[in-house]
Amino acid sequence: MNYWEALTHARNKLTVKLLWAFYLCTIIMATIHLGQYMSYYIIGFALCTLATVFVYRKRHVILTMYLLVTIMFVYFLSLMELRPHLVNVIFVWLTLILSSLYQQYRVIVLAGGYSASITLYSFAFHGKELLSNFQHSDMIYLVLFGAFMTVYFLFYTKFTRDLWMKERERDQQLKNILDSVDIITLSFDIRKKKISFSEGITQLTEYSPSDFENDLSLWKELVYPQDLEAVADHFKELYKGESKVFDMRITTKLKKEKWLHIRAIPVLDSNRKVVRIDGVVIDVTERRCMEEEIKYMAYHDILTELPNRVQFNDYFMKTLSEAKNEKKKLAILFIDLDQFKSINDSLGHDIGDLLLKETAKRLKAALRKTDFLCRIGGDEFIILLNNIKNDEVNRLAQRIVDAFKEPFELQGHALSVTPSIGISIYPNHGNDIETLIKKADDTMYLAKKKGKNNYQFYSPMLKDA
């Protein structure tokens, strides 16, 4: 059923309800005034039932529209035949007014023809019963009145249809614009507890707008659990009459996580009470992913996926603050790979990159969960150990050295690299990151001088050696 058929069907339902209402009123009034059951009750019931069957079968909607108009006029004609009365003539013209609700030119012309024909017939055969001083020449005025009413409703229909079509065209233009920029409109009726979305919600959530209209809790179920409390707080502010702009996550029907940007404004009634919340929903998943990727790149080494120097500095400052408060020791291990440069130069950067990736894996495997490993560039790595003792640093440093005893098997090459490790301790060797790293770096070079593949603790004596 397309838009126009759906609209016509809705008006068909309204018309048949009005027909039943009039029929019931007729029964009540006739019973009160006449005190007896009349034969047109049966006719009215039969016509109303026939109209109802055609309407609610939802078949041939346009044909049903014409049938309904015809049934209404047949019903009033039967009333006129069974009980001629001027009020029945009035009802005939009221039926023309009712037919104009369809906003269809052909229906109005048909109803105008029916009205004029039944009116002329009624006065031609029951003129004296309807009006005691009726003259046949008066029928000219009836014809003119019928023509005037029909023309009036035709112009009225044209005027309202033009306004309606312009409004619908503007709505369609707005919808096209919103769809082209992936913007979804929402409206939450607080009194009716009903939420409605534009069609774009289907592409976003895999649920149709009607799914949300029929189940208010569905929207809440989609909200990411960690965001529920924040979203509830935002809506509390909206209920107070404050506009809100916020981001939130949802899980779609297919269990995909998406980020939404919400801009919502409260709509107030004359008493300054919030009755509705209107807004727009924008899918910002791609932007969020890009932001996360940029953030990841800013804090990680892309090759090894280890934290980089920026993240190491942030983590160190946080750890240093805790160490000062709790009087704990920290250790920094500065690692440089022996023989890496010759391998990288002889076998190429691709092999060198693979070797660095595998080195990162071995280093991570040798560390505790609380240890922090980062790559600062080239073949240099830094490890931060928290809350340690000297013997623990020794054991860990030796474990790292032992981790490189076996060669790396890469693309048919057995590659051997070893670590030279320099170690500095907080607060023994310094109170800031630059001092501790520099002393660990200096100590690493001394470890290389002592034959490589070993670790050394910083000391002024070792530096002078």
Protein backbone atom coordinates (compact mmCIF):
# COMPACT_ATOMS: atom_id res chain seq x y z
CA MET A 1 0.00 0.00 0.00
CA ASN A 2 1.59 3.28 -1.14
CA TYR A 3 1.31 6.66 0.56
CA TRP A 4 -1.87 7.78 -1.20
CA GLU A 5 -3.60 4.46 -0.72
CA ALA A 6 -2.68 4.46 2.97
CA LEU A 7 -4.06 7.99 3.31
CA THR A 8 -7.28 7.04 1.51
CA HIS A 9 -7.65 3.93 3.67
CA ALA A 10 -7.35 6.05 6.82
CA ARG A 11 -10.13 8.32 5.53
CA ASN A 12 -12.21 5.32 4.60
CA LYS A 13 -11.99 4.13 8.20
CA LEU A 14 -13.00 7.58 9.46
CA THR A 15 -15.94 7.71 7.05
CA VAL A 16 -17.28 4.30 8.04
CA LYS A 17 -17.03 5.25 11.73
CA LEU A 18 -19.02 8.42 11.07
CA LEU A 19 -21.56 6.39 9.11
CA TRP A 20 -22.02 4.01 12.06
CA ALA A 21 -22.27 6.94 14.46
CA PHE A 22 -24.98 8.56 12.35
CA TYR A 23 -26.83 5.26 12.04
CA LEU A 24 -26.84 4.74 15.82
CA CYS A 25 -28.02 8.31 16.39
CA THR A 26 -30.82 7.71 13.88
CA ILE A 27 -31.96 4.62 15.78
CA ILE A 28 -31.93 6.48 19.12
CA MET A 29 -33.82 9.50 17.78
CA ALA A 30 -36.37 7.42 15.88
CA THR A 31 -37.00 5.23 18.91
CA ILE A 32 -37.53 8.26 21.14
CA HIS A 33 -39.85 10.09 18.77
CA LEU A 34 -41.60 7.21 17.04
CA GLY A 35 -41.44 4.60 19.75
CA GLN A 36 -41.29 1.78 17.25
CA TYR A 37 -38.84 -0.22 15.19
CA MET A 38 -38.73 0.98 11.59
CA SER A 39 -37.74 -0.91 8.44
CA TYR A 40 -34.92 1.48 7.53
CA TYR A 41 -33.04 0.25 10.58
CA ILE A 42 -32.41 -2.95 8.67
CA ILE A 43 -31.39 -1.06 5.53
CA GLY A 44 -29.01 1.13 7.50
CA PHE A 45 -27.47 -1.83 9.30
CA ALA A 46 -26.96 -3.71 6.04
CA LEU A 47 -25.31 -0.72 4.31
CA CYS A 48 -23.05 0.05 7.31
CA THR A 49 -21.98 -3.58 7.56
CA LEU A 50 -21.24 -3.74 3.83
CA ALA A 51 -19.15 -0.57 4.08
CA THR A 52 -17.23 -1.92 7.09
CA VAL A 53 -16.40 -5.20 5.35
CA PHE A 54 -14.99 -3.43 2.30
CA VAL A 55 -12.96 -0.96 4.37
CA TYR A 56 -11.30 -3.42 6.74
CA ARG A 57 -10.45 -5.95 4.03
CA LYS A 58 -8.02 -3.29 2.76
CA ARG A 59 -8.51 -4.38 -0.83
CA HIS A 60 -9.20 -2.01 -3.71
CA VAL A 61 -8.88 1.03 -1.45
CA ILE A 62 -9.76 3.56 -4.14
CA LEU A 63 -12.79 1.57 -5.30
CA THR A 64 -13.88 1.28 -1.66
CA MET A 65 -13.76 5.08 -1.39
CA TYR A 66 -16.26 5.47 -4.25
CA LEU A 67 -18.37 2.67 -2.82
CA LEU A 68 -18.53 4.37 0.60
CA VAL A 69 -19.69 7.65 -0.93
CA THR A 70 -22.34 5.79 -2.90
CA ILE A 71 -23.49 3.84 0.19
CA MET A 72 -23.94 7.06 2.18
CA PHE A 73 -26.16 8.59 -0.49
CA VAL A 74 -28.12 5.36 -0.94
CA TYR A 75 -28.73 5.30 2.82
CA PHE A 76 -30.09 8.86 2.89
CA LEU A 77 -32.17 8.19 -0.21
CA SER A 78 -33.74 5.22 1.59
CA LEU A 79 -34.51 7.47 4.57
CA MET A 80 -36.14 9.94 2.23
CA GLU A 81 -38.27 7.25 0.64
CA LEU A 82 -39.37 5.69 3.90
CA ARG A 83 -39.86 8.94 5.80
CA PRO A 84 -39.78 12.11 3.68
CA HIS A 85 -38.53 14.96 5.84
CA LEU A 86 -36.61 18.16 5.20
CA VAL A 87 -33.89 17.13 7.65
CA ASN A 88 -33.03 14.18 5.39
CA VAL A 89 -32.38 16.63 2.54
CA ILE A 90 -30.00 18.50 4.82
CA PHE A 91 -28.20 15.24 5.58
CA VAL A 92 -27.77 14.65 1.85
CA TRP A 93 -25.85 17.93 1.54
CA LEU A 94 -23.89 17.16 4.68
CA THR A 95 -22.76 14.00 2.91
CA LEU A 96 -21.26 16.19 0.18
CA ILE A 97 -19.32 18.03 2.89
CA LEU A 98 -18.18 14.72 4.35
CA SER A 99 -17.05 13.53 0.91
CA SER A 100 -14.78 16.57 0.60
CA LEU A 101 -12.62 15.07 3.37
CA TYR A 102 -11.09 12.80 0.75
CA GLN A 103 -9.64 15.82 -1.06
CA GLN A 104 -10.35 14.09 -4.37
CA TYR A 105 -11.88 16.03 -7.28
CA ARG A 106 -13.71 13.03 -8.71
CA VAL A 107 -15.23 12.14 -5.37
CA ILE A 108 -16.53 15.69 -4.92
CA VAL A 109 -18.01 15.76 -8.44
CA LEU A 110 -19.61 12.35 -7.81
CA ALA A 111 -20.98 13.49 -4.45
CA GLY A 112 -22.22 16.74 -6.00
CA GLY A 113 -24.04 14.77 -8.68
CA TYR A 114 -25.58 12.44 -6.09
CA SER A 115 -26.65 15.39 -3.91
CA ALA A 116 -28.25 17.27 -6.77
CA SER A 117 -29.99 14.17 -8.13
CA ILE A 118 -31.40 13.06 -4.76
CA THR A 119 -32.48 16.62 -3.91
CA LEU A 120 -34.26 17.06 -7.24
CA TYR A 121 -35.87 13.63 -6.92
CA SER A 122 -37.01 14.33 -3.36
CA PHE A 123 -38.62 17.66 -4.16
CA ALA A 124 -40.06 16.37 -7.43
CA PHE A 125 -41.92 13.52 -5.73
CA HIS A 126 -42.20 14.70 -2.11
CA GLY A 127 -42.08 18.48 -2.49
CA LYS A 128 -45.33 19.20 -0.62
CA GLU A 129 -44.32 16.86 2.20
CA LEU A 130 -41.00 18.60 2.58
CA LEU A 131 -42.26 22.21 2.18
CA SER A 132 -45.92 23.11 2.20
CA ASN A 133 -45.44 26.11 -0.10
CA PHE A 134 -42.99 24.40 -2.44
CA GLN A 135 -43.14 25.40 -6.11
CA HIS A 136 -41.52 23.42 -8.91
CA SER A 137 -39.78 26.60 -10.05
CA ASP A 138 -37.85 26.46 -6.76
CA MET A 139 -35.93 23.49 -8.15
CA ILE A 140 -33.85 25.91 -10.22
CA TYR A 141 -32.47 27.40 -7.01
CA LEU A 142 -31.78 23.93 -5.66
CA VAL A 143 -29.76 23.11 -8.78
CA LEU A 144 -27.82 26.37 -8.49
CA PHE A 145 -27.21 25.74 -4.79
CA GLY A 146 -25.92 22.24 -5.57
CA ALA A 147 -23.65 23.55 -8.31
CA PHE A 148 -22.33 26.30 -6.03
CA MET A 149 -21.59 23.82 -3.22
CA THR A 150 -19.80 21.46 -5.60
CA VAL A 151 -17.70 24.22 -7.17
CA TYR A 152 -16.89 25.63 -3.74
CA PHE A 153 -15.56 22.31 -2.48
CA LEU A 154 -13.60 21.78 -5.70
CA PHE A 155 -11.82 25.13 -5.19
CA TYR A 156 -11.40 24.45 -1.48
CA THR A 157 -9.86 21.08 -2.29
CA LYS A 158 -7.50 22.64 -4.83
CA PHE A 159 -6.41 25.26 -2.31
CA THR A 160 -5.80 22.79 0.52
CA ARG A 161 -4.15 20.23 -1.78
CA ASP A 162 -1.73 22.87 -3.05
CA LEU A 163 -0.80 23.83 0.51
CA TRP A 164 -0.54 20.19 1.46
CA MET A 165 1.62 19.30 -1.54
CA LYS A 166 3.96 22.24 -0.89
CA GLU A 167 4.31 21.21 2.73
CA ARG A 168 4.91 17.61 1.73
CA GLU A 169 7.48 18.74 -0.84
CA ARG A 170 9.31 20.75 1.83
CA ASP A 171 9.22 17.76 4.16
CA GLN A 172 10.62 15.56 1.40
CA GLN A 173 13.37 18.08 0.65
CA LEU A 174 14.29 18.20 4.33
CA LYS A 175 14.23 14.41 4.50
CA ASN A 176 16.49 14.16 1.43
CA ILE A 177 18.93 16.64 2.96
CA LEU A 178 18.98 14.81 6.29
CA ASP A 179 19.38 11.44 4.57
CA SER A 180 22.25 12.73 2.44
CA VAL A 181 24.20 13.74 5.55
CA ASP A 182 23.18 10.70 7.61
CA ILE A 183 21.10 12.73 10.06
CA ILE A 184 18.14 11.08 11.78
CA THR A 185 15.34 13.04 13.46
CA LEU A 186 13.80 11.94 16.73
CA SER A 187 10.76 13.06 18.69
CA PHE A 188 9.80 11.79 22.13
CA ASP A 189 6.26 12.55 23.32
CA ILE A 190 6.55 12.58 27.11
CA ARG A 191 2.81 12.39 27.74
CA LYS A 192 2.17 9.49 25.40
CA LYS A 193 5.53 7.84 26.20
CA LYS A 194 6.07 7.40 22.48
CA ILE A 195 9.32 7.86 20.55
CA SER A 196 9.52 8.25 16.78
CA PHE A 197 12.49 8.31 14.41
CA SER A 198 12.91 9.13 10.74
CA GLU A 199 13.54 6.32 8.26
CA GLY A 200 17.32 6.56 8.61
CA ILE A 201 17.12 4.78 11.97
CA THR A 202 16.70 1.49 10.10
CA GLN A 203 20.11 1.75 8.44
CA LEU A 204 21.65 2.78 11.75
CA THR A 205 20.17 0.17 14.11
CA GLU A 206 18.60 -2.48 11.82
CA TYR A 207 15.26 -1.69 13.53
CA SER A 208 12.41 0.13 11.76
CA PRO A 209 10.79 3.32 13.15
CA SER A 210 7.65 1.32 13.97
CA ASP A 211 9.71 -1.02 16.16
CA PHE A 212 10.58 1.92 18.41
CA GLU A 213 7.04 3.32 18.35
CA ASN A 214 5.64 -0.01 19.51
CA ASP A 215 8.31 -0.64 22.17
CA LEU A 216 9.69 2.35 24.08
CA SER A 217 12.12 0.14 26.03
CA LEU A 218 13.86 -0.93 22.79
CA TRP A 219 15.87 2.30 22.59
CA LYS A 220 17.06 1.87 26.17
CA GLU A 221 18.08 -1.71 25.43
CA LEU A 222 20.33 -0.53 22.58
CA VAL A 223 22.27 1.92 24.74
CA TYR A 224 25.73 0.68 25.67
CA PRO A 225 25.62 -0.48 29.34
CA GLN A 226 28.51 1.79 30.37
CA ASP A 227 26.68 4.80 28.89
CA LEU A 228 23.25 4.20 30.48
CA GLU A 229 23.85 6.32 33.56
CA ALA A 230 25.24 9.26 31.58
CA VAL A 231 22.37 9.13 29.07
CA ALA A 232 19.84 9.05 31.94
CA ASP A 233 21.48 12.16 33.44
CA HIS A 234 21.27 13.97 30.09
CA PHE A 235 17.54 13.21 29.82
CA LYS A 236 16.96 14.45 33.38
CA GLU A 237 18.39 17.78 32.25
CA LEU A 238 16.15 17.73 29.17
CA TYR A 239 13.09 17.11 31.36
CA LYS A 240 14.07 20.26 33.27
CA GLY A 241 13.94 22.26 30.04
CA GLU A 242 17.65 22.38 29.17
CA SER A 243 19.00 21.60 25.70
CA LYS A 244 21.68 18.90 25.57
CA VAL A 245 24.44 17.86 23.19
CA PHE A 246 26.19 14.58 23.92
CA ASP A 247 27.74 11.43 22.45
CA MET A 248 26.69 7.90 23.31
CA ARG A 249 27.21 4.33 22.15
CA ILE A 250 24.64 1.78 21.07
CA THR A 251 24.70 -1.88 20.10
CA THR A 252 22.69 -2.57 16.94
CA LYS A 253 20.44 -5.51 16.20
CA LEU A 254 23.41 -7.26 14.57
CA LYS A 255 25.54 -6.55 17.68
CA LYS A 256 27.62 -3.82 16.06
CA GLU A 257 28.88 -1.01 18.27
CA LYS A 258 28.17 2.49 16.97
CA TRP A 259 28.80 6.00 18.25
CA LEU A 260 25.96 8.55 18.05
CA HIS A 261 26.03 12.32 18.40
CA ILE A 262 22.76 13.59 19.92
CA ARG A 263 21.47 17.17 19.79
CA ALA A 264 18.19 17.43 21.70
CA ILE A 265 15.93 20.32 22.70
CA PRO A 266 12.87 20.28 24.99
CA VAL A 267 9.53 21.57 23.66
CA LEU A 268 7.44 23.45 26.24
CA ASP A 269 3.70 24.01 26.45
CA SER A 270 2.02 27.29 27.47
CA ASN A 271 2.66 26.44 31.13
CA ARG A 272 6.43 26.09 30.50
CA LYS A 273 6.18 22.36 31.07
CA VAL A 274 8.22 19.99 28.88
CA VAL A 275 5.82 17.96 26.73
CA ARG A 276 8.15 16.72 23.99
CA ILE A 277 11.82 16.28 23.22
CA ASP A 278 12.93 16.83 19.63
CA GLY A 279 16.38 16.33 18.24
CA VAL A 280 18.73 14.87 15.68
CA VAL A 281 20.88 11.76 15.78
CA ILE A 282 24.15 11.66 13.80
CA ASP A 283 26.20 8.53 13.25
CA VAL A 284 29.75 9.53 14.22
CA THR A 285 31.17 6.01 14.38
CA GLU A 286 33.63 6.64 11.56
CA ARG A 287 34.80 9.90 13.13
CA ARG A 288 35.19 8.24 16.52
CA CYS A 289 37.15 5.35 15.02
CA MET A 290 39.41 7.85 13.26
CA GLU A 291 39.91 9.74 16.52
CA GLU A 292 40.73 6.49 18.32
CA GLU A 293 43.15 5.57 15.55
CA ILE A 294 44.85 8.96 15.74
CA LYS A 295 44.99 8.68 19.52
CA TYR A 296 46.43 5.18 19.21
CA MET A 297 49.04 6.37 16.74
CA ALA A 298 49.96 9.24 19.05
CA TYR A 299 50.63 6.87 21.94
CA HIS A 300 51.91 3.73 20.23
CA ASP A 301 54.73 2.58 18.04
CA ILE A 302 53.01 1.53 14.82
CA LEU A 303 55.52 -1.20 13.91
CA THR A 304 55.58 -3.15 17.18
CA GLU A 305 52.25 -1.86 18.59
CA LEU A 306 54.08 -1.13 21.84
CA PRO A 307 53.58 2.14 23.73
CA ASN A 308 55.84 4.93 22.47
CA ARG A 309 57.86 7.57 24.30
CA VAL A 310 54.84 9.89 24.69
CA GLN A 311 52.81 7.24 26.49
CA PHE A 312 55.86 6.20 28.50
CA ASN A 313 56.30 9.77 29.76
CA ASP A 314 52.64 9.97 30.82
CA TYR A 315 52.79 6.61 32.56
CA PHE A 316 56.08 7.46 34.27
CA MET A 317 54.72 10.72 35.73
CA LYS A 318 51.71 8.89 37.15
CA THR A 319 53.89 6.09 38.55
CA LEU A 320 56.43 8.56 39.93
CA SER A 321 53.70 10.39 41.85
CA GLU A 322 52.54 7.13 43.43
CA ALA A 323 56.13 6.11 44.21
CA LYS A 324 56.78 9.41 46.00
CA ASN A 325 53.62 9.10 48.08
CA GLU A 326 54.24 5.47 48.99
CA LYS A 327 58.06 5.71 49.12
CA LYS A 328 58.56 2.97 46.53
CA LYS A 329 61.47 2.37 44.19
CA LEU A 330 61.31 2.41 40.40
CA ALA A 331 63.74 1.01 37.86
CA ILE A 332 64.33 2.00 34.26
CA LEU A 333 65.92 -0.53 31.90
CA PHE A 334 67.34 0.92 28.68
CA ILE A 335 67.77 -1.86 26.08
CA ASP A 336 69.69 -1.74 22.82
CA LEU A 337 69.89 -4.74 20.45
CA ASP A 338 73.39 -5.94 19.59
CA GLN A 339 74.02 -6.96 15.95
CA PHE A 340 70.69 -5.45 14.79
CA LYS A 341 72.21 -2.77 12.57
CA SER A 342 74.31 -5.25 10.58
CA ILE A 343 71.27 -7.54 10.06
CA ASN A 344 69.11 -4.61 8.98
CA ASP A 345 71.74 -3.35 6.53
CA SER A 346 72.55 -6.76 5.02
CA LEU A 347 69.07 -8.34 4.81
CA GLY A 348 66.95 -5.24 4.34
CA HIS A 349 64.41 -3.25 6.30
CA ASP A 350 61.61 -5.81 5.86
CA ILE A 351 63.61 -8.43 7.76
CA GLY A 352 64.66 -5.75 10.23
CA ASP A 353 61.04 -4.80 10.88
CA LEU A 354 60.06 -8.44 11.42
CA LEU A 355 62.95 -8.83 13.83
CA LEU A 356 61.80 -5.82 15.85
CA LYS A 357 58.26 -7.21 16.04
CA GLU A 358 59.50 -10.57 17.30
CA THR A 359 61.83 -8.83 19.73
CA ALA A 360 58.87 -6.95 21.19
CA LYS A 361 57.02 -10.25 21.69
CA ARG A 362 59.98 -11.83 23.52
CA LEU A 363 60.40 -8.82 25.75
CA LYS A 364 56.71 -8.79 26.67
CA ALA A 365 56.83 -12.51 27.43
CA ALA A 366 59.74 -11.97 29.84
CA LEU A 367 58.01 -9.20 31.82
CA ARG A 368 55.47 -9.12 34.60
CA LYS A 369 51.96 -7.76 33.99
CA THR A 370 52.80 -4.69 36.07
CA ASP A 371 55.90 -3.83 34.01
CA PHE A 372 55.70 -1.17 31.29
CA LEU A 373 57.52 -1.73 27.98
CA CYS A 374 57.90 0.83 25.20
CA ARG A 375 59.90 1.30 22.02
CA ILE A 376 61.50 4.72 21.72
CA GLY A 377 62.87 4.25 18.21
CA GLY A 378 65.25 2.15 16.11
CA ASP A 379 66.36 -0.89 18.10
CA GLU A 380 66.00 0.82 21.50
CA PHE A 381 63.44 -0.16 24.14
CA ILE A 382 62.71 1.10 27.65
CA ILE A 383 61.15 -0.85 30.51
CA LEU A 384 59.73 0.73 33.68
CA LEU A 385 59.56 -1.50 36.76
CA ASN A 386 57.33 -0.44 39.63
CA ASN A 387 57.81 -1.12 43.36
CA ILE A 388 60.99 -3.19 43.04
CA LYS A 389 64.02 -4.35 44.95
CA ASN A 390 67.54 -4.76 43.59
CA ASP A 391 67.35 -8.55 43.46
CA GLU A 392 64.07 -8.37 41.52
CA VAL A 393 65.69 -6.12 38.94
CA ASN A 394 68.58 -8.56 38.64
CA ARG A 395 66.26 -11.50 38.05
CA LEU A 396 64.22 -9.65 35.46
CA ALA A 397 67.26 -8.32 33.62
CA GLN A 398 68.75 -11.81 33.50
CA ARG A 399 65.43 -13.20 32.24
CA ILE A 400 65.55 -10.71 29.38
CA VAL A 401 69.12 -11.71 28.52
CA ASP A 402 68.14 -15.39 28.60
CA ALA A 403 65.15 -14.71 26.32
CA PHE A 404 67.55 -13.92 23.47
CA LYS A 405 69.64 -17.10 23.69
CA GLU A 406 67.65 -18.73 20.91
CA PRO A 407 67.97 -17.22 17.41
CA PHE A 408 64.96 -15.78 15.57
CA GLU A 409 63.74 -17.87 12.62
CA LEU A 410 62.58 -15.34 10.02
CA GLN A 411 61.97 -16.15 6.34
CA GLY A 412 64.59 -18.89 6.30
CA HIS A 413 67.15 -16.92 8.29
CA ALA A 414 68.37 -17.82 11.80
CA LEU A 415 69.10 -14.40 13.27
CA SER A 416 70.83 -13.88 16.59
CA VAL A 417 70.62 -10.61 18.46
CA THR A 418 71.43 -9.93 22.10
CA PRO A 419 70.44 -7.16 24.50
CA SER A 420 72.70 -4.65 26.16
CA ILE A 421 70.85 -3.28 29.18
CA GLY A 422 71.51 -0.20 31.28
CA ILE A 423 69.62 0.19 34.56
CA SER A 424 68.93 3.25 36.71
CA ILE A 425 66.97 3.33 39.98
CA TYR A 426 64.62 5.95 41.41
CA PRO A 427 65.33 7.69 43.74
CA ASN A 428 68.95 6.50 44.00
CA HIS A 429 70.05 7.79 40.59
CA GLY A 430 67.63 10.66 39.99
CA ASN A 431 64.20 12.15 40.63
CA ASP A 432 63.04 12.97 37.10
CA ILE A 433 62.49 11.02 33.92
CA GLU A 434 65.16 12.70 31.81
CA THR A 435 67.89 12.10 34.38
CA LEU A 436 66.93 8.47 34.93
CA ILE A 437 66.71 7.70 31.20
CA LYS A 438 70.03 9.43 30.46
CA LYS A 439 71.82 7.48 33.18
CA ALA A 440 70.26 4.20 32.01
CA ASP A 441 71.29 5.08 28.44
CA ASP A 442 74.87 5.84 29.51
CA THR A 443 74.98 2.59 31.43
CA MET A 444 73.73 0.66 28.38
CA TYR A 445 76.76 1.86 26.38
CA LEU A 446 79.02 0.71 29.18
CA ALA A 447 77.31 -2.69 29.01
CA LYS A 448 78.23 -2.84 25.32
CA LYS A 449 81.84 -2.04 26.18
CA LYS A 450 81.83 -4.94 28.62
CA GLY A 451 81.13 -7.43 25.85
CA LYS A 452 77.42 -6.87 25.11
CA ASN A 453 74.63 -9.33 25.98
CA ASN A 454 74.65 -8.24 29.64
CA TYR A 455 73.11 -5.73 32.00
CA GLN A 456 74.71 -3.10 34.20
CA PHE A 457 73.43 -0.89 37.03
CA TYR A 458 74.29 2.76 36.92
CA SER A 459 76.98 3.99 39.29
CA PRO A 460 79.36 6.94 39.15
CA MET A 461 82.30 4.51 39.31
CA LEU A 462 80.99 2.55 36.31
CA LYS A 463 80.66 5.78 34.36
CA ASP A 464 84.30 6.64 35.03
CA ALA A 465 85.49 3.21 33.90
